[in-house]
Amino acid sequence: MKTHVRKGDTVEVITGKSKGKRGVVTSLNAAKQTVIVEGARILKKATKPSENDPEGGIKEIDGPIHISNVKKVS
C-alpha cells in the first residue's frame, strides 16, 4: 500500500494529545496504517525483570499513531 510518509521522514502530529509535536518516523506499518514517531505519544509499559533487563520496572516507549494524523514536513 502506498503511503505519504516513509521511515526516516520528519513529520508533525496534527491531531490528538501529541498535536504539534515533530519527530522522525522510526517504524511504519502499512497494513494497519500506523506510524511510530520518535518523541510523540509516549506510553508507559510495565516489564518484568529478565536476563536482558534485570531491573524490569516501568519503561517509556513510543506508541503508534494513525497515518492520517501526521503530515510530512521538510
PDB file of N, CA and C in Angstrom:
ATOM      1  N   MET A   1       0.835  -1.172   0.000  1.00  0.00           N
ATOM      2  CA  MET A   1       0.000   0.000   0.000  1.00  0.00           C
ATOM      3  C   MET A   1       0.891   1.250   0.000  1.00  0.00           C
ATOM      4  N   LYS A   2       0.546   2.230  -0.790  1.00  0.00           N
ATOM      5  CA  LYS A   2       1.330   3.447  -0.899  1.00  0.00           C
ATOM      6  C   LYS A   2       0.951   4.414   0.227  1.00  0.00           C
ATOM      7  N   THR A   3       1.968   5.012   0.838  1.00  0.00           N
ATOM      8  CA  THR A   3       1.740   5.969   1.912  1.00  0.00           C
ATOM      9  C   THR A   3       2.456   7.280   1.600  1.00  0.00           C
ATOM     10  N   HIS A   4       2.051   8.350   2.286  1.00  0.00           N
ATOM     11  CA  HIS A   4       2.658   9.658   2.037  1.00  0.00           C
ATOM     12  C   HIS A   4       3.905   9.902   2.886  1.00  0.00           C
ATOM     13  N   VAL A   5       4.215   8.999   3.805  1.00  0.00           N
ATOM     14  CA  VAL A   5       5.433   9.116   4.613  1.00  0.00           C
ATOM     15  C   VAL A   5       6.218   7.818   4.540  1.00  0.00           C
ATOM     16  N   ARG A   6       7.515   7.937   4.807  1.00  0.00           N
ATOM     17  CA  ARG A   6       8.396   6.774   4.826  1.00  0.00           C
ATOM     18  C   ARG A   6       9.223   6.791   6.096  1.00  0.00           C
ATOM     19  N   LYS A   7       9.861   5.683   6.376  1.00  0.00           N
ATOM     20  CA  LYS A   7      10.757   5.582   7.510  1.00  0.00           C
ATOM     21  C   LYS A   7      11.890   6.594   7.323  1.00  0.00           C
ATOM     22  N   GLY A   8      12.172   7.389   8.356  1.00  0.00           N
ATOM     23  CA  GLY A   8      13.232   8.384   8.284  1.00  0.00           C
ATOM     24  C   GLY A   8      12.723   9.785   7.971  1.00  0.00           C
ATOM     25  N   ASP A   9      11.457   9.924   7.543  1.00  0.00           N
ATOM     26  CA  ASP A   9      10.883  11.244   7.260  1.00  0.00           C
ATOM     27  C   ASP A   9      10.602  11.992   8.563  1.00  0.00           C
ATOM     28  N   THR A  10      10.691  13.315   8.496  1.00  0.00           N
ATOM     29  CA  THR A  10      10.309  14.153   9.627  1.00  0.00           C
ATOM     30  C   THR A  10       8.846  14.516   9.448  1.00  0.00           C
ATOM     31  N   VAL A  11       8.046  14.276  10.490  1.00  0.00           N
ATOM     32  CA  VAL A  11       6.610  14.530  10.416  1.00  0.00           C
ATOM     33  C   VAL A  11       6.154  15.346  11.621  1.00  0.00           C
ATOM     34  N   GLU A  12       4.952  15.926  11.486  1.00  0.00           N
ATOM     35  CA  GLU A  12       4.320  16.665  12.575  1.00  0.00           C
ATOM     36  C   GLU A  12       2.967  16.025  12.841  1.00  0.00           C
ATOM     37  N   VAL A  13       2.633  15.851  14.121  1.00  0.00           N
ATOM     38  CA  VAL A  13       1.344  15.288  14.504  1.00  0.00           C
ATOM     39  C   VAL A  13       0.315  16.407  14.423  1.00  0.00           C
ATOM     40  N   ILE A  14      -0.814  16.157  13.738  1.00  0.00           N
ATOM     41  CA  ILE A  14      -1.791  17.224  13.510  1.00  0.00           C
ATOM     42  C   ILE A  14      -3.055  17.100  14.363  1.00  0.00           C
ATOM     43  N   THR A  15      -3.265  15.975  15.050  1.00  0.00           N
ATOM     44  CA  THR A  15      -4.422  15.832  15.934  1.00  0.00           C
ATOM     45  C   THR A  15      -4.047  15.027  17.166  1.00  0.00           C
ATOM     46  N   GLY A  16      -4.896  15.100  18.183  1.00  0.00           N
ATOM     47  CA  GLY A  16      -4.705  14.304  19.390  1.00  0.00           C
ATOM     48  C   GLY A  16      -3.880  15.009  20.452  1.00  0.00           C
ATOM     49  N   LYS A  17      -3.554  14.272  21.518  1.00  0.00           N
ATOM     50  CA  LYS A  17      -2.787  14.818  22.635  1.00  0.00           C
ATOM     51  C   LYS A  17      -1.402  15.294  22.221  1.00  0.00           C
ATOM     52  N   SER A  18      -0.825  14.643  21.249  1.00  0.00           N
ATOM     53  CA  SER A  18       0.533  14.970  20.807  1.00  0.00           C
ATOM     54  C   SER A  18       0.540  15.997  19.682  1.00  0.00           C
ATOM     55  N   LYS A  19      -0.549  16.725  19.505  1.00  0.00           N
ATOM     56  CA  LYS A  19      -0.668  17.697  18.413  1.00  0.00           C
ATOM     57  C   LYS A  19       0.466  18.717  18.473  1.00  0.00           C
ATOM     58  N   GLY A  20       1.097  18.948  17.320  1.00  0.00           N
ATOM     59  CA  GLY A  20       2.172  19.927  17.227  1.00  0.00           C
ATOM     60  C   GLY A  20       3.566  19.360  17.424  1.00  0.00           C
ATOM     61  N   LYS A  21       3.665  18.141  17.931  1.00  0.00           N
ATOM     62  CA  LYS A  21       4.982  17.540  18.138  1.00  0.00           C
ATOM     63  C   LYS A  21       5.563  17.076  16.808  1.00  0.00           C
ATOM     64  N   ARG A  22       6.864  17.263  16.677  1.00  0.00           N
ATOM     65  CA  ARG A  22       7.572  16.824  15.471  1.00  0.00           C
ATOM     66  C   ARG A  22       8.562  15.743  15.840  1.00  0.00           C
ATOM     67  N   GLY A  23       8.788  14.834  14.907  1.00  0.00           N
ATOM     68  CA  GLY A  23       9.745  13.772  15.133  1.00  0.00           C
ATOM     69  C   GLY A  23       9.999  12.997  13.855  1.00  0.00           C
ATOM     70  N   VAL A  24      10.890  12.033  13.981  1.00  0.00           N
ATOM     71  CA  VAL A  24      11.283  11.195  12.847  1.00  0.00           C
ATOM     72  C   VAL A  24      10.494   9.893  12.907  1.00  0.00           C
ATOM     73  N   VAL A  25      10.020   9.425  11.763  1.00  0.00           N
ATOM     74  CA  VAL A  25       9.303   8.152  11.680  1.00  0.00           C
ATOM     75  C   VAL A  25      10.318   7.031  11.867  1.00  0.00           C
ATOM     76  N   THR A  26      10.128   6.241  12.929  1.00  0.00           N
ATOM     77  CA  THR A  26      11.049   5.141  13.204  1.00  0.00           C
ATOM     78  C   THR A  26      10.520   3.820  12.674  1.00  0.00           C
ATOM     79  N   SER A  27       9.184   3.728  12.513  1.00  0.00           N
ATOM     80  CA  SER A  27       8.580   2.485  12.047  1.00  0.00           C
ATOM     81  C   SER A  27       7.289   2.809  11.310  1.00  0.00           C
ATOM     82  N   LEU A  28       6.959   1.976  10.320  1.00  0.00           N
ATOM     83  CA  LEU A  28       5.763   2.170   9.514  1.00  0.00           C
ATOM     84  C   LEU A  28       5.093   0.826   9.310  1.00  0.00           C
ATOM     85  N   ASN A  29       3.797   0.739   9.602  1.00  0.00           N
ATOM     86  CA  ASN A  29       3.029  -0.480   9.374  1.00  0.00           C
ATOM     87  C   ASN A  29       1.939  -0.146   8.365  1.00  0.00           C
ATOM     88  N   ALA A  30       2.171  -0.444   7.095  1.00  0.00           N
ATOM     89  CA  ALA A  30       1.237  -0.093   6.028  1.00  0.00           C
ATOM     90  C   ALA A  30      -0.075  -0.876   6.136  1.00  0.00           C
ATOM     91  N   ALA A  31      -0.028  -2.099   6.619  1.00  0.00           N
ATOM     92  CA  ALA A  31      -1.237  -2.910   6.730  1.00  0.00           C
ATOM     93  C   ALA A  31      -2.214  -2.316   7.756  1.00  0.00           C
ATOM     94  N   LYS A  32      -1.698  -1.855   8.876  1.00  0.00           N
ATOM     95  CA  LYS A  32      -2.538  -1.238   9.911  1.00  0.00           C
ATOM     96  C   LYS A  32      -2.648   0.270   9.745  1.00  0.00           C
ATOM     97  N   GLN A  33      -1.910   0.824   8.802  1.00  0.00           N
ATOM     98  CA  GLN A  33      -1.863   2.262   8.528  1.00  0.00           C
ATOM     99  C   GLN A  33      -1.455   3.057   9.770  1.00  0.00           C
ATOM    100  N   THR A  34      -0.374   2.614  10.422  1.00  0.00           N
ATOM    101  CA  THR A  34       0.137   3.319  11.596  1.00  0.00           C
ATOM    102  C   THR A  34       1.614   3.616  11.425  1.00  0.00           C
ATOM    103  N   VAL A  35       2.066   4.659  12.102  1.00  0.00           N
ATOM    104  CA  VAL A  35       3.478   5.016  12.144  1.00  0.00           C
ATOM    105  C   VAL A  35       3.879   5.205  13.594  1.00  0.00           C
ATOM    106  N   ILE A  36       5.153   5.014  13.877  1.00  0.00           N
ATOM    107  CA  ILE A  36       5.694   5.313  15.197  1.00  0.00           C
ATOM    108  C   ILE A  36       6.632   6.489  15.021  1.00  0.00           C
ATOM    109  N   VAL A  37       6.309   7.591  15.713  1.00  0.00           N
ATOM    110  CA  VAL A  37       7.069   8.826  15.617  1.00  0.00           C
ATOM    111  C   VAL A  37       7.875   8.993  16.891  1.00  0.00           C
ATOM    112  N   GLU A  38       9.166   9.225  16.725  1.00  0.00           N
ATOM    113  CA  GLU A  38      10.063   9.380  17.858  1.00  0.00           C
ATOM    114  C   GLU A  38       9.665  10.611  18.678  1.00  0.00           C
ATOM    115  N   GLY A  39       9.374  10.414  19.958  1.00  0.00           N
ATOM    116  CA  GLY A  39       9.056  11.523  20.857  1.00  0.00           C
ATOM    117  C   GLY A  39       7.587  11.903  20.922  1.00  0.00           C
ATOM    118  N   ALA A  40       6.729  11.283  20.132  1.00  0.00           N
ATOM    119  CA  ALA A  40       5.295  11.574  20.170  1.00  0.00           C
ATOM    120  C   ALA A  40       4.551  10.358  20.706  1.00  0.00           C
ATOM    121  N   ARG A  41       3.474  10.588  21.416  1.00  0.00           N
ATOM    122  CA  ARG A  41       2.638   9.537  22.010  1.00  0.00           C
ATOM    123  C   ARG A  41       3.467   8.563  22.842  1.00  0.00           C
ATOM    124  N   ILE A  42       4.015   9.060  23.935  1.00  0.00           N
ATOM    125  CA  ILE A  42       4.806   8.242  24.847  1.00  0.00           C
ATOM    126  C   ILE A  42       3.863   7.386  25.691  1.00  0.00           C
ATOM    127  N   LEU A  43       4.098   6.084  25.700  1.00  0.00           N
ATOM    128  CA  LEU A  43       3.331   5.141  26.500  1.00  0.00           C
ATOM    129  C   LEU A  43       4.218   4.571  27.594  1.00  0.00           C
ATOM    130  N   LYS A  44       3.615   4.198  28.714  1.00  0.00           N
ATOM    131  CA  LYS A  44       4.356   3.555  29.788  1.00  0.00           C
ATOM    132  C   LYS A  44       3.997   2.081  29.792  1.00  0.00           C
ATOM    133  N   LYS A  45       5.024   1.229  29.811  1.00  0.00           N
ATOM    134  CA  LYS A  45       4.818  -0.204  29.750  1.00  0.00           C
ATOM    135  C   LYS A  45       5.537  -0.859  30.922  1.00  0.00           C
ATOM    136  N   ALA A  46       4.819  -1.687  31.666  1.00  0.00           N
ATOM    137  CA  ALA A  46       5.405  -2.420  32.782  1.00  0.00           C
ATOM    138  C   ALA A  46       6.109  -3.658  32.242  1.00  0.00           C
ATOM    139  N   THR A  47       7.373  -3.867  32.644  1.00  0.00           N
ATOM    140  CA  THR A  47       8.125  -5.033  32.185  1.00  0.00           C
ATOM    141  C   THR A  47       8.651  -5.815  33.379  1.00  0.00           C
ATOM    142  N   LYS A  48       8.649  -7.115  33.229  1.00  0.00           N
ATOM    143  CA  LYS A  48       9.186  -7.981  34.270  1.00  0.00           C
ATOM    144  C   LYS A  48      10.704  -8.034  34.139  1.00  0.00           C
ATOM    145  N   PRO A  49      11.405  -8.286  35.222  1.00  0.00           N
ATOM    146  CA  PRO A  49      12.854  -8.475  35.111  1.00  0.00           C
ATOM    147  C   PRO A  49      13.169  -9.676  34.221  1.00  0.00           C
ATOM    148  N   SER A  50      14.194  -9.532  33.386  1.00  0.00           N
ATOM    149  CA  SER A  50      14.598 -10.613  32.506  1.00  0.00           C
ATOM    150  C   SER A  50      16.122 -10.642  32.446  1.00  0.00           C
ATOM    151  N   GLU A  51      16.652 -11.557  31.678  1.00  0.00           N
ATOM    152  CA  GLU A  51      18.096 -11.661  31.542  1.00  0.00           C
ATOM    153  C   GLU A  51      18.672 -10.413  30.866  1.00  0.00           C
ATOM    154  N   ASN A  52      17.961  -9.890  29.860  1.00  0.00           N
ATOM    155  CA  ASN A  52      18.413  -8.693  29.162  1.00  0.00           C
ATOM    156  C   ASN A  52      18.235  -7.433  30.002  1.00  0.00           C
ATOM    157  N   ASP A  53      17.184  -7.394  30.819  1.00  0.00           N
ATOM    158  CA  ASP A  53      16.877  -6.229  31.648  1.00  0.00           C
ATOM    159  C   ASP A  53      16.600  -6.682  33.080  1.00  0.00           C
ATOM    160  N   PRO A  54      17.647  -6.838  33.903  1.00  0.00           N
ATOM    161  CA  PRO A  54      17.460  -7.374  35.244  1.00  0.00           C
ATOM    162  C   PRO A  54      16.648  -6.456  36.168  1.00  0.00           C
ATOM    163  N   GLU A  55      16.582  -5.175  35.862  1.00  0.00           N
ATOM    164  CA  GLU A  55      15.835  -4.239  36.696  1.00  0.00           C
ATOM    165  C   GLU A  55      14.323  -4.385  36.502  1.00  0.00           C
ATOM    166  N   GLY A  56      13.871  -4.522  35.256  1.00  0.00           N
ATOM    167  CA  GLY A  56      12.442  -4.536  34.979  1.00  0.00           C
ATOM    168  C   GLY A  56      11.875  -3.144  35.239  1.00  0.00           C
ATOM    169  N   GLY A  57      10.614  -3.053  35.652  1.00  0.00           N
ATOM    170  CA  GLY A  57      10.011  -1.777  36.004  1.00  0.00           C
ATOM    171  C   GLY A  57       9.191  -1.179  34.878  1.00  0.00           C
ATOM    172  N   ILE A  58       8.944   0.127  34.990  1.00  0.00           N
ATOM    173  CA  ILE A  58       8.109   0.832  34.023  1.00  0.00           C
ATOM    174  C   ILE A  58       8.990   1.525  33.000  1.00  0.00           C
ATOM    175  N   LYS A  59       8.783   1.196  31.736  1.00  0.00           N
ATOM    176  CA  LYS A  59       9.568   1.756  30.633  1.00  0.00           C
ATOM    177  C   LYS A  59       8.680   2.666  29.793  1.00  0.00           C
ATOM    178  N   GLU A  60       9.272   3.711  29.219  1.00  0.00           N
ATOM    179  CA  GLU A  60       8.532   4.593  28.316  1.00  0.00           C
ATOM    180  C   GLU A  60       8.871   4.212  26.880  1.00  0.00           C
ATOM    181  N   ILE A  61       7.825   3.980  26.084  1.00  0.00           N
ATOM    182  CA  ILE A  61       8.006   3.598  24.675  1.00  0.00           C
ATOM    183  C   ILE A  61       7.181   4.544  23.798  1.00  0.00           C
ATOM    184  N   ASP A  62       7.529   4.618  22.516  1.00  0.00           N
ATOM    185  CA  ASP A  62       6.762   5.405  21.554  1.00  0.00           C
ATOM    186  C   ASP A  62       5.606   4.555  21.041  1.00  0.00           C
ATOM    187  N   GLY A  63       4.397   5.116  21.075  1.00  0.00           N
ATOM    188  CA  GLY A  63       3.223   4.393  20.619  1.00  0.00           C
ATOM    189  C   GLY A  63       2.869   4.708  19.180  1.00  0.00           C
ATOM    190  N   PRO A  64       2.035   3.863  18.569  1.00  0.00           N
ATOM    191  CA  PRO A  64       1.645   4.082  17.178  1.00  0.00           C
ATOM    192  C   PRO A  64       0.632   5.213  17.032  1.00  0.00           C
ATOM    193  N   ILE A  65       0.684   5.886  15.878  1.00  0.00           N
ATOM    194  CA  ILE A  65      -0.246   6.952  15.527  1.00  0.00           C
ATOM    195  C   ILE A  65      -0.789   6.625  14.138  1.00  0.00           C
ATOM    196  N   HIS A  66      -2.071   6.843  13.927  1.00  0.00           N
ATOM    197  CA  HIS A  66      -2.643   6.570  12.607  1.00  0.00           C
ATOM    198  C   HIS A  66      -2.009   7.496  11.579  1.00  0.00           C
ATOM    199  N   ILE A  67      -1.782   6.959  10.405  1.00  0.00           N
ATOM    200  CA  ILE A  67      -1.045   7.670   9.358  1.00  0.00           C
ATOM    201  C   ILE A  67      -1.767   8.946   8.898  1.00  0.00           C
ATOM    202  N   SER A  68      -3.091   8.997   9.064  1.00  0.00           N
ATOM    203  CA  SER A  68      -3.845  10.187   8.660  1.00  0.00           C
ATOM    204  C   SER A  68      -3.661  11.345   9.655  1.00  0.00           C
ATOM    205  N   ASN A  69      -3.085  11.065  10.814  1.00  0.00           N
ATOM    206  CA  ASN A  69      -2.903  12.092  11.837  1.00  0.00           C
ATOM    207  C   ASN A  69      -1.527  12.714  11.829  1.00  0.00           C
ATOM    208  N   VAL A  70      -0.742  12.452  10.801  1.00  0.00           N
ATOM    209  CA  VAL A  70       0.588  13.064  10.673  1.00  0.00           C
ATOM    210  C   VAL A  70       0.727  13.682   9.284  1.00  0.00           C
ATOM    211  N   LYS A  71       1.542  14.749   9.222  1.00  0.00           N
ATOM    212  CA  LYS A  71       1.847  15.325   7.920  1.00  0.00           C
ATOM    213  C   LYS A  71       3.353  15.502   7.803  1.00  0.00           C
ATOM    214  N   LYS A  72       3.846  15.317   6.612  1.00  0.00           N
ATOM    215  CA  LYS A  72       5.271  15.393   6.336  1.00  0.00           C
ATOM    216  C   LYS A  72       5.716  16.858   6.351  1.00  0.00           C
ATOM    217  N   VAL A  73       6.850  17.135   7.003  1.00  0.00           N
ATOM    218  CA  VAL A  73       7.435  18.477   6.991  1.00  0.00           C
ATOM    219  C   VAL A  73       8.846  18.388   6.426  1.00  0.00           C
ATOM    220  N   SER A  74       9.326  19.503   5.848  1.00  0.00           N
ATOM    221  CA  SER A  74      10.651  19.453   5.242  1.00  0.00           C
ATOM    222  C   SER A  74      11.734  19.852   6.200  1.00  0.00           C
TER     223      SER A  74
END
